[in-house]
Structure formats: structure tokens, C-alpha cells
Amino acid sequence: MLYDILIFFSICVLSGVFTGLLGIGGGLIIIPVFSILPPLFGIKLDLQHIIGISATSIFLNSAIAMFYRRKEPIIIKKDLKGLALAVIVGTVSGSLLSSNIPDKILYGIYIVLAIYSFHLMFKSSVEFNLNKFVRYPVFALIGAVGASIGLGGAILFSVALKSIYKEDCKQLLSSVTLLMLIGSIFMFFTKLFLGNILVAIIPIVLAASFIGAKIGIEISKYCSAKSITIIMAIMLCIGLVRAAFGILT
């Protein structure tokens, strides 16, 4: 029992570190690691419960990271209501409809979004702007796909925001974290309603999130905008591999 708790706690601390460092929710860590590591110790979890753990982690990580970043500027204040509503609609829709949409289609959409985001990430300037008629469906789609397959949409949010506000990824961290928090609240309670949340793990995730998010935020203070972008790109590649594996299997 103690080993089980330590395994869950360690994975969730790592997830929290990346939330604090990059503004991501931690799904890119939770989904693959919980799929591989616990079975090695005789802990069996089905995919829906792993996605539920991811939803719990994303919610708590984002809330704690936002608390730590509460004094940082929120660049999206002007468009917050519209973007938040789009993320909420997408997240709830993705959570409810995920069981009725083939996983391969969802993974395919994620791969298309991720590849294009990767292409834009290293441009010194983004050559287009998501106008108000396009940006809301895009943010809703990112929220829906992220909630459906349990992979974080924060990096995709970051690239989309970069196209709107022309800021580097580091300057957008608090805004991305806020959007992740808004979406994760609705994802968590939707998954809870569907019975996918392991309630017993919530205290473990909560304690791990406080520690991990704080460590990640402290590290981010010493990282340049370029290094943040590079780490995001690496995480995006991990998401691409996970999505490709989902299609192939």
C-alpha cells in the first residue's frame, strides 16, 4: 500500500513540476506514465480511470499554479470571457462525447493541431492572427480534443495565444494556466459525474501538486523564453508520439 502511494505521489509531483514550469496541466506526463509504470508494480488501472487521474491532476495543478502566479499579468483579460466560454464548451463536449467518437479520429485531430503548433512555435513572429470569428472555435476544438484523450491542450493554447497577442511563450504562462484552470474545473466535474475519478487519490494529488507546482515555478524564473519554448516543443513531441501510438494500436 505504501509503495502504491509513493508511486502515485512521485508521478503527480513530476506532473506538478511541468505545470509550474510550462503552464501545462500534466496530462502529457500522467497518461503515458500511469499507463506504463503502475502495472510494473501490480497496480491495474483502466484507461478511463487513468484519464480521470489526469483530469484530477490537471485541475489541482492548474489551481495551485494559478495561485502561485496570481500576481503575474494576465494578457488575455480583454478576451477572457469569450476564450473561457469556448474552452468550457469544448472541454465539456469533449468529455461527454469522447466515448462515442473513435479514438483514432481524436488522436488524428490532435496530431494535426500539434504538428502545426510545432511549426509555429519556433517562428520569430507568427504570420497570421486568429480573428475573433476563428479563435473561439479553435480554442473550443483544443479543449474538446484535450479533454477527450486526456492529453494536455495547454501547449496548443500557448501557440494559439501567441498568434493573437504576439508574445513569447514565457510571457503567456499565466494566461495559459488560467485557461487550463477554467477548462479543468469543468473537465474534472464532468469526469466525476461519469464515475471516472478515483476519489481516494485526490489528497495524494493535492499534496503532490503543491510541491511540484512550486518547484516548477521556481525553475521557470531562471529559464529564458527560448528554453521554455524548447521544453514545450519536447513535451509536444511526447504528445505526438502518444497520439501516434494511439492510432497504431
Protein backbone atom coordinates (compact mmCIF):
# COMPACT_ATOMS: atom_id res chain seq x y z
CA MET A 1 0.00 0.00 0.00
CA LEU A 2 2.83 2.39 0.88
CA TYR A 3 4.56 1.65 -2.44
CA ASP A 4 1.32 2.41 -4.30
CA ILE A 5 1.04 5.79 -2.58
CA LEU A 6 4.69 6.63 -3.26
CA ILE A 7 4.31 5.75 -6.95
CA PHE A 8 1.18 7.88 -7.34
CA PHE A 9 2.74 10.72 -5.34
CA SER A 10 6.01 10.74 -7.33
CA ILE A 11 4.25 10.78 -10.70
CA CYS A 12 1.94 13.58 -9.60
CA VAL A 13 4.86 15.66 -8.26
CA LEU A 14 6.54 15.37 -11.67
CA SER A 15 3.28 16.42 -13.32
CA GLY A 16 3.07 19.42 -10.99
CA VAL A 17 6.64 20.47 -11.83
CA PHE A 18 5.77 20.69 -15.52
CA THR A 19 2.57 22.58 -14.70
CA GLY A 20 4.52 25.20 -12.78
CA LEU A 21 7.29 25.35 -15.36
CA LEU A 22 5.25 25.42 -18.58
CA GLY A 23 1.67 26.17 -17.57
CA ILE A 24 0.58 22.74 -18.86
CA GLY A 25 -1.88 20.62 -16.92
CA GLY A 26 0.25 17.50 -16.69
CA GLY A 27 -1.72 15.14 -18.91
CA LEU A 28 1.31 14.56 -21.15
CA ILE A 29 3.04 13.10 -18.09
CA ILE A 30 0.12 11.39 -16.36
CA ILE A 31 -1.33 9.41 -19.28
CA PRO A 32 1.81 7.63 -20.57
CA VAL A 33 3.47 7.17 -17.16
CA PHE A 34 0.36 5.79 -15.44
CA SER A 35 -0.18 3.51 -18.43
CA ILE A 36 3.32 2.02 -18.09
CA LEU A 37 4.65 2.32 -14.53
CA PRO A 38 1.88 1.11 -12.14
CA PRO A 39 1.38 -2.26 -13.94
CA LEU A 40 5.06 -2.99 -13.25
CA PHE A 41 4.18 -2.91 -9.55
CA GLY A 42 0.98 -4.91 -9.93
CA ILE A 43 -1.36 -1.89 -9.96
CA LYS A 44 -4.03 -2.25 -12.63
CA LEU A 45 -5.87 0.81 -13.91
CA ASP A 46 -8.13 1.03 -16.93
CA LEU A 47 -7.75 3.90 -19.41
CA GLN A 48 -10.85 5.79 -18.23
CA HIS A 49 -9.54 5.85 -14.65
CA ILE A 50 -6.11 6.99 -15.89
CA ILE A 51 -7.81 9.83 -17.78
CA GLY A 52 -9.72 10.55 -14.56
CA ILE A 53 -6.43 10.77 -12.64
CA SER A 54 -5.16 13.10 -15.36
CA ALA A 55 -8.29 15.28 -15.02
CA THR A 56 -7.79 15.43 -11.24
CA SER A 57 -4.11 16.30 -11.64
CA ILE A 58 -4.76 18.96 -14.28
CA PHE A 59 -7.45 20.59 -12.12
CA LEU A 60 -5.38 20.70 -8.91
CA ASN A 61 -2.09 21.52 -10.66
CA SER A 62 -3.68 24.42 -12.55
CA ALA A 63 -5.42 25.78 -9.44
CA ILE A 64 -2.24 25.73 -7.37
CA ALA A 65 -0.04 27.07 -10.18
CA MET A 66 -2.55 29.89 -10.74
CA PHE A 67 -2.41 30.71 -7.02
CA TYR A 68 1.38 30.96 -7.20
CA ARG A 69 1.14 33.09 -10.37
CA ARG A 70 -1.73 35.27 -9.13
CA LYS A 71 0.43 38.43 -9.17
CA GLU A 72 1.65 37.93 -12.74
CA PRO A 73 -0.07 39.84 -15.57
CA ILE A 74 -2.94 38.13 -17.43
CA ILE A 75 -2.54 39.13 -21.07
CA ILE A 76 -5.94 37.76 -22.18
CA LYS A 77 -8.10 39.92 -19.87
CA LYS A 78 -9.80 41.69 -22.79
CA ASP A 79 -10.89 38.44 -24.44
CA LEU A 80 -11.15 36.29 -21.31
CA LYS A 81 -14.93 35.82 -21.33
CA GLY A 82 -15.07 34.66 -24.94
CA LEU A 83 -12.00 32.42 -24.70
CA ALA A 84 -13.13 30.93 -21.39
CA LEU A 85 -16.59 30.14 -22.78
CA ALA A 86 -15.05 28.48 -25.83
CA VAL A 87 -12.76 26.35 -23.65
CA ILE A 88 -15.65 25.37 -21.35
CA VAL A 89 -17.91 24.35 -24.24
CA GLY A 90 -15.10 22.38 -25.87
CA THR A 91 -13.99 20.69 -22.64
CA VAL A 92 -17.47 19.59 -21.57
CA SER A 93 -18.38 18.46 -25.09
CA GLY A 94 -15.14 16.51 -25.43
CA SER A 95 -15.58 14.85 -22.04
CA LEU A 96 -19.17 13.79 -22.77
CA LEU A 97 -18.70 12.74 -26.39
CA SER A 98 -15.33 11.02 -26.09
CA SER A 99 -16.92 7.61 -25.55
CA ASN A 100 -18.90 7.98 -28.80
CA ILE A 101 -16.06 9.16 -31.06
CA PRO A 102 -13.42 6.71 -32.30
CA ASP A 103 -10.12 7.29 -30.50
CA LYS A 104 -8.22 7.23 -33.79
CA ILE A 105 -10.14 10.26 -35.06
CA LEU A 106 -9.41 12.19 -31.86
CA TYR A 107 -5.74 11.28 -31.98
CA GLY A 108 -5.63 12.29 -35.65
CA ILE A 109 -7.06 15.74 -34.87
CA TYR A 110 -4.56 16.15 -32.05
CA ILE A 111 -1.66 15.22 -34.34
CA VAL A 112 -2.73 17.78 -36.96
CA LEU A 113 -3.02 20.52 -34.31
CA ALA A 114 0.26 19.52 -32.66
CA ILE A 115 2.27 19.42 -35.90
CA TYR A 116 1.02 22.85 -36.93
CA SER A 117 1.72 24.18 -33.43
CA PHE A 118 5.25 22.77 -33.61
CA HIS A 119 5.70 24.54 -36.96
CA LEU A 120 4.63 27.87 -35.46
CA MET A 121 6.46 27.50 -32.16
CA PHE A 122 9.93 28.40 -33.42
CA LYS A 123 8.90 31.24 -35.71
CA SER A 124 10.27 34.55 -34.51
CA SER A 125 6.94 36.06 -35.48
CA VAL A 126 3.63 34.46 -36.30
CA GLU A 127 2.47 35.47 -39.75
CA PHE A 128 -1.27 35.33 -39.13
CA ASN A 129 -3.74 36.36 -36.49
CA LEU A 130 -6.69 34.29 -35.30
CA ASN A 131 -9.54 36.77 -35.71
CA LYS A 132 -12.49 36.72 -33.33
CA PHE A 133 -14.59 34.57 -35.68
CA VAL A 134 -11.94 31.85 -35.83
CA ARG A 135 -10.22 31.92 -32.46
CA TYR A 136 -13.22 30.73 -30.41
CA PRO A 137 -13.85 27.57 -32.48
CA VAL A 138 -10.10 26.87 -32.40
CA PHE A 139 -9.95 27.14 -28.60
CA ALA A 140 -13.13 25.05 -28.28
CA LEU A 141 -11.58 22.37 -30.53
CA ILE A 142 -8.36 22.31 -28.50
CA GLY A 143 -10.38 21.97 -25.28
CA ALA A 144 -12.52 19.19 -26.74
CA VAL A 145 -9.62 17.13 -28.08
CA GLY A 146 -7.58 17.58 -24.88
CA ALA A 147 -10.48 16.52 -22.65
CA SER A 148 -11.34 13.55 -24.89
CA ILE A 149 -7.96 11.85 -24.94
CA GLY A 150 -6.57 13.11 -21.66
CA LEU A 151 -3.60 14.90 -23.21
CA GLY A 152 -2.94 18.46 -22.18
CA GLY A 153 -4.05 21.21 -24.54
CA ALA A 154 -2.00 23.88 -22.81
CA ILE A 155 0.84 23.90 -25.34
CA LEU A 156 -1.68 24.24 -28.15
CA PHE A 157 -3.33 27.08 -26.20
CA SER A 158 0.07 28.74 -25.85
CA VAL A 159 0.76 28.67 -29.58
CA ALA A 160 -2.76 29.90 -30.37
CA LEU A 161 -2.38 32.78 -27.91
CA LYS A 162 0.99 33.61 -29.43
CA SER A 163 -0.73 34.08 -32.79
CA ILE A 164 -3.16 36.56 -31.21
CA TYR A 165 -1.02 38.57 -28.82
CA LYS A 166 2.46 38.25 -30.41
CA GLU A 167 4.08 37.46 -27.06
CA ASP A 168 6.68 34.77 -26.36
CA CYS A 169 5.70 31.57 -24.56
CA LYS A 170 7.14 32.66 -21.21
CA GLN A 171 5.06 35.87 -21.14
CA LEU A 172 1.93 33.80 -21.81
CA LEU A 173 2.43 31.29 -18.97
CA SER A 174 -0.03 32.85 -16.51
CA SER A 175 -2.68 33.30 -19.23
CA VAL A 176 -2.30 29.68 -20.37
CA THR A 177 -2.50 28.47 -16.76
CA LEU A 178 -5.72 30.44 -16.27
CA LEU A 179 -7.33 28.92 -19.37
CA MET A 180 -6.24 25.47 -18.24
CA LEU A 181 -7.78 26.08 -14.81
CA ILE A 182 -11.09 27.18 -16.32
CA GLY A 183 -11.28 24.17 -18.60
CA SER A 184 -10.02 21.71 -15.99
CA ILE A 185 -12.74 22.65 -13.49
CA PHE A 186 -15.40 21.54 -15.94
CA MET A 187 -13.41 18.52 -17.11
CA PHE A 188 -12.91 17.31 -13.53
CA PHE A 189 -16.57 17.58 -12.53
CA THR A 190 -17.74 16.05 -15.82
CA LYS A 191 -15.41 13.07 -15.29
CA LEU A 192 -16.58 12.88 -11.66
CA PHE A 193 -20.20 12.73 -12.87
CA LEU A 194 -19.25 9.95 -15.29
CA GLY A 195 -17.60 7.96 -12.48
CA ASN A 196 -14.07 8.18 -13.87
CA ILE A 197 -12.48 9.94 -10.88
CA LEU A 198 -10.75 7.87 -8.19
CA VAL A 199 -11.77 9.95 -5.14
CA ALA A 200 -9.22 8.23 -2.89
CA ILE A 201 -6.31 9.64 -4.91
CA ILE A 202 -7.39 13.30 -4.62
CA PRO A 203 -5.47 14.00 -1.33
CA ILE A 204 -2.31 12.45 -2.84
CA VAL A 205 -2.61 14.57 -6.00
CA LEU A 206 -3.32 17.68 -3.92
CA ALA A 207 -0.20 17.28 -1.77
CA ALA A 208 1.95 16.43 -4.80
CA SER A 209 0.61 19.41 -6.75
CA PHE A 210 1.56 21.89 -4.01
CA ILE A 211 5.13 20.61 -4.03
CA GLY A 212 5.56 20.05 -7.77
CA ALA A 213 3.95 23.30 -8.97
CA LYS A 214 6.07 25.37 -6.58
CA ILE A 215 9.26 23.67 -7.78
CA GLY A 216 8.29 24.21 -11.43
CA ILE A 217 7.50 27.90 -10.93
CA GLU A 218 10.83 28.49 -9.14
CA ILE A 219 12.67 26.78 -12.01
CA SER A 220 10.79 28.89 -14.58
CA LYS A 221 12.17 32.08 -13.02
CA TYR A 222 15.64 31.07 -14.17
CA CYS A 223 14.61 29.88 -17.64
CA SER A 224 14.79 32.07 -20.73
CA ALA A 225 11.88 32.38 -23.14
CA LYS A 226 13.84 30.25 -25.63
CA SER A 227 14.45 27.44 -23.13
CA ILE A 228 10.74 27.43 -22.17
CA THR A 229 9.88 27.11 -25.87
CA ILE A 230 12.34 24.23 -26.32
CA ILE A 231 10.93 22.33 -23.33
CA MET A 232 7.40 22.90 -24.65
CA ALA A 233 8.50 21.53 -28.01
CA ILE A 234 9.86 18.40 -26.33
CA MET A 235 6.59 17.90 -24.46
CA LEU A 236 4.69 18.43 -27.71
CA CYS A 237 6.79 15.68 -29.30
CA ILE A 238 5.89 13.36 -26.42
CA GLY A 239 2.24 14.12 -27.08
CA LEU A 240 2.71 13.39 -30.78
CA VAL A 241 4.31 10.02 -30.02
CA ARG A 242 1.50 9.17 -27.61
CA ALA A 243 -1.16 10.14 -30.17
CA ALA A 244 0.61 8.21 -32.97
CA PHE A 245 0.80 5.15 -30.71
CA GLY A 246 -2.93 5.51 -30.04
CA ILE A 247 -3.67 5.43 -33.77
CA LEU A 248 -1.39 2.47 -34.45
CA THR A 249 -2.86 0.38 -31.64
